[in-house]
């Protein structure tokens, strides 16, 4: 920031001298061009991010039909998905959502893995049917599935509390 202020005052001082007005004008035009290039590059990056596949965001699932649809939607883009079974009333689930999943090491390990968040907050018939299908007693449960078949990879299931280190270890073969 100090450099910007110094440059501003230097240009202002030079502009007050008649002999250097053309030079300052060219410098300002050059600065505008650099600014336009920067704005253009940022605009292109933002457009790319907006047009990026929506599969990068976590998918929220509350029933068996949504689970199968999500796997079908993800399978062309990802070979594996982390299934995160949770509920709003589950304290450990909140810790996983707020501390474990945002961990930089976990984020790095998940670069090529989709995230399917299964919400069983209601614990109604639909939730129980989904839990039965996923062979889970309840939240929190985490495991990795093959997106094409929906088959669970052996050795990836975690029930209850999990550390970032343990989750990274389970995700490492898919990263």
Protein backbone atom coordinates (compact mmCIF):
# COMPACT_ATOMS: atom_id res chain seq x y z
CA UNK A 1 0.00 0.00 0.00
CA UNK A 2 2.78 2.55 0.75
CA UNK A 3 4.14 1.96 -2.75
CA UNK A 4 0.77 2.90 -4.25
CA UNK A 5 0.65 6.17 -2.31
CA UNK A 6 4.23 7.01 -3.26
CA UNK A 7 3.47 6.33 -6.93
CA UNK A 8 0.37 8.51 -6.75
CA UNK A 9 2.27 11.46 -5.30
CA UNK A 10 5.15 10.99 -7.73
CA UNK A 11 2.78 11.11 -10.69
CA UNK A 12 1.03 14.14 -9.25
CA UNK A 13 4.36 15.96 -8.75
CA UNK A 14 5.54 15.11 -12.26
CA UNK A 15 2.25 16.21 -13.76
CA UNK A 16 2.77 19.69 -12.36
CA UNK A 17 5.87 20.08 -14.57
CA UNK A 18 4.91 20.97 -18.17
CA UNK A 19 7.81 19.06 -19.78
CA UNK A 20 6.84 15.74 -18.25
CA UNK A 21 3.07 15.79 -18.91
CA UNK A 22 3.30 13.58 -21.99
CA UNK A 23 5.43 11.03 -20.17
CA UNK A 24 2.99 10.96 -17.25
CA UNK A 25 0.08 10.63 -19.66
CA UNK A 26 1.74 7.58 -21.29
CA UNK A 27 2.43 6.11 -17.85
CA UNK A 28 -1.21 6.55 -16.87
CA UNK A 29 -2.36 4.95 -20.13
CA UNK A 30 -0.02 2.04 -19.43
CA UNK A 31 -1.43 1.72 -15.92
CA UNK A 32 -4.96 1.69 -17.29
CA UNK A 33 -3.99 -1.03 -19.72
CA UNK A 34 -2.46 -3.12 -16.95
CA UNK A 35 -5.57 -2.53 -14.88
CA UNK A 36 -7.78 -3.60 -17.78
CA UNK A 37 -5.69 -6.74 -18.26
CA UNK A 38 -5.95 -7.56 -14.57
CA UNK A 39 -9.71 -6.95 -14.50
CA UNK A 40 -10.12 -9.03 -17.66
CA UNK A 41 -8.08 -11.88 -16.23
CA UNK A 42 -10.07 -11.82 -12.99
CA UNK A 43 -13.32 -11.74 -14.96
CA UNK A 44 -12.24 -14.75 -17.00
CA UNK A 45 -11.25 -16.62 -13.84
CA UNK A 46 -14.61 -15.82 -12.24
CA UNK A 47 -16.46 -16.92 -15.37
CA UNK A 48 -14.50 -20.17 -15.34
CA UNK A 49 -15.36 -20.74 -11.71
CA UNK A 50 -19.03 -20.07 -12.37
CA UNK A 51 -19.11 -22.40 -15.35
CA UNK A 52 -17.21 -25.11 -13.45
CA UNK A 53 -19.11 -28.30 -12.96
CA UNK A 54 -21.54 -28.11 -10.07
CA UNK A 55 -20.36 -31.53 -8.93
CA UNK A 56 -17.48 -29.86 -7.05
CA UNK A 57 -19.91 -28.71 -4.34
CA UNK A 58 -21.06 -31.22 -1.72
CA UNK A 59 -24.26 -33.01 -2.66
CA UNK A 60 -26.99 -33.13 -0.01
CA UNK A 61 -29.08 -36.30 0.03
CA UNK A 62 -32.11 -37.09 2.21
CA UNK A 63 -33.55 -40.22 0.56
CA UNK A 64 -32.55 -43.29 -1.44
CA UNK A 65 -33.70 -41.87 -4.80
CA UNK A 66 -31.55 -38.74 -4.33
CA UNK A 67 -28.60 -40.92 -3.32
CA UNK A 68 -28.78 -42.95 -6.55
CA UNK A 69 -29.33 -39.81 -8.67
CA UNK A 70 -26.31 -38.16 -7.04
CA UNK A 71 -24.08 -41.16 -7.74
CA UNK A 72 -25.23 -41.17 -11.38
CA UNK A 73 -24.53 -37.43 -11.68
CA UNK A 74 -21.08 -37.73 -10.08
CA UNK A 75 -19.84 -40.88 -11.84
CA UNK A 76 -18.74 -39.18 -15.10
CA UNK A 77 -16.61 -36.75 -13.07
CA UNK A 78 -15.37 -38.71 -10.05
CA UNK A 79 -14.34 -42.31 -9.46
CA UNK A 80 -14.91 -42.10 -5.71
CA UNK A 81 -17.12 -40.21 -3.28
CA UNK A 82 -16.93 -39.73 0.47
CA UNK A 83 -20.34 -40.45 1.99
CA UNK A 84 -20.84 -38.39 5.15
CA UNK A 85 -23.93 -39.47 7.12
CA UNK A 86 -24.91 -36.77 9.58
CA UNK A 87 -27.76 -34.99 11.33
CA UNK A 88 -28.34 -31.50 12.69
CA UNK A 89 -28.78 -32.86 16.23
CA UNK A 90 -25.48 -34.80 16.10
CA UNK A 91 -22.71 -32.93 17.99
CA UNK A 92 -19.90 -35.07 16.54
CA UNK A 93 -21.30 -34.42 13.03
CA UNK A 94 -20.99 -30.68 13.63
CA UNK A 95 -17.35 -31.15 14.65
CA UNK A 96 -16.72 -33.14 11.47
CA UNK A 97 -18.39 -30.42 9.37
CA UNK A 98 -16.71 -27.47 11.11
CA UNK A 99 -13.24 -28.81 11.91
CA UNK A 100 -12.41 -32.08 10.12
CA UNK A 101 -13.72 -31.56 6.57
CA UNK A 102 -12.34 -27.97 6.28
CA UNK A 103 -8.88 -29.14 7.46
CA UNK A 104 -6.32 -28.23 4.73
CA UNK A 105 -4.94 -31.78 4.67
CA UNK A 106 -8.42 -33.25 4.25
CA UNK A 107 -9.24 -30.70 1.54
CA UNK A 108 -6.07 -31.66 -0.31
CA UNK A 109 -6.90 -35.37 -0.01
CA UNK A 110 -10.41 -34.72 -1.37
CA UNK A 111 -9.38 -32.90 -4.54
CA UNK A 112 -10.39 -35.88 -6.68
CA UNK A 113 -13.13 -37.21 -4.40
CA UNK A 114 -16.74 -36.01 -4.39
CA UNK A 115 -18.58 -35.39 -1.12
CA UNK A 116 -22.09 -36.77 -0.59
CA UNK A 117 -23.67 -35.47 2.61
CA UNK A 118 -26.49 -37.74 3.76
CA UNK A 119 -28.84 -35.86 6.10
CA UNK A 120 -30.83 -38.10 8.44
CA UNK A 121 -31.93 -35.34 10.82
CA UNK A 122 -35.59 -36.39 10.69
CA UNK A 123 -34.91 -40.08 11.43
CA UNK A 124 -38.25 -40.88 9.79
CA UNK A 125 -39.08 -43.90 7.61
CA UNK A 126 -37.21 -42.39 4.63
CA UNK A 127 -34.07 -41.78 6.72
CA UNK A 128 -34.20 -45.30 8.17
CA UNK A 129 -34.59 -46.80 4.69
CA UNK A 130 -31.51 -44.88 3.51
CA UNK A 131 -29.51 -45.88 6.60
CA UNK A 132 -30.49 -49.54 6.07
CA UNK A 133 -29.39 -49.37 2.43
CA UNK A 134 -26.05 -47.79 3.42
CA UNK A 135 -25.65 -50.36 6.25
CA UNK A 136 -25.28 -47.62 8.85
CA UNK A 137 -26.77 -47.52 12.34
CA UNK A 138 -26.82 -43.72 12.34
CA UNK A 139 -24.66 -40.65 12.30
CA UNK A 140 -21.85 -39.94 12.21
CA UNK A 141 -20.69 -42.46 9.63
CA UNK A 142 -18.14 -41.83 6.88
CA UNK A 143 -17.05 -44.15 4.07
CA UNK A 144 -15.86 -44.03 0.46
CA UNK A 145 -17.87 -45.51 -2.43
CA UNK A 146 -17.18 -46.10 -6.09
CA UNK A 147 -19.46 -43.61 -7.86
CA UNK A 148 -20.18 -45.85 -10.84
CA UNK A 149 -21.40 -48.87 -8.87
CA UNK A 150 -22.10 -47.35 -5.45
CA UNK A 151 -20.02 -50.13 -3.89
CA UNK A 152 -18.23 -49.23 -0.66
CA UNK A 153 -14.45 -49.50 -0.69
CA UNK A 154 -13.27 -51.82 2.06
CA UNK A 155 -11.40 -50.28 4.98
CA UNK A 156 -12.82 -46.78 4.49
CA UNK A 157 -15.72 -46.84 6.97
CA UNK A 158 -15.50 -44.74 10.12
CA UNK A 159 -18.27 -44.68 12.74
CA UNK A 160 -18.33 -42.00 15.42
CA UNK A 161 -15.64 -39.43 16.01
CA UNK A 162 -12.78 -39.21 13.50
CA UNK A 163 -9.59 -37.16 13.36
CA UNK A 164 -8.36 -35.31 10.30
CA UNK A 165 -5.27 -37.54 10.26
CA UNK A 166 -7.39 -40.72 10.23
CA UNK A 167 -9.67 -39.39 7.48
CA UNK A 168 -6.66 -38.38 5.36
CA UNK A 169 -5.25 -41.89 5.79
CA UNK A 170 -8.54 -43.39 4.59
CA UNK A 171 -8.73 -41.01 1.60
CA UNK A 172 -5.07 -41.31 0.53
CA UNK A 173 -5.60 -44.27 -1.90
CA UNK A 174 -8.13 -42.18 -3.86
CA UNK A 175 -6.23 -38.87 -3.98
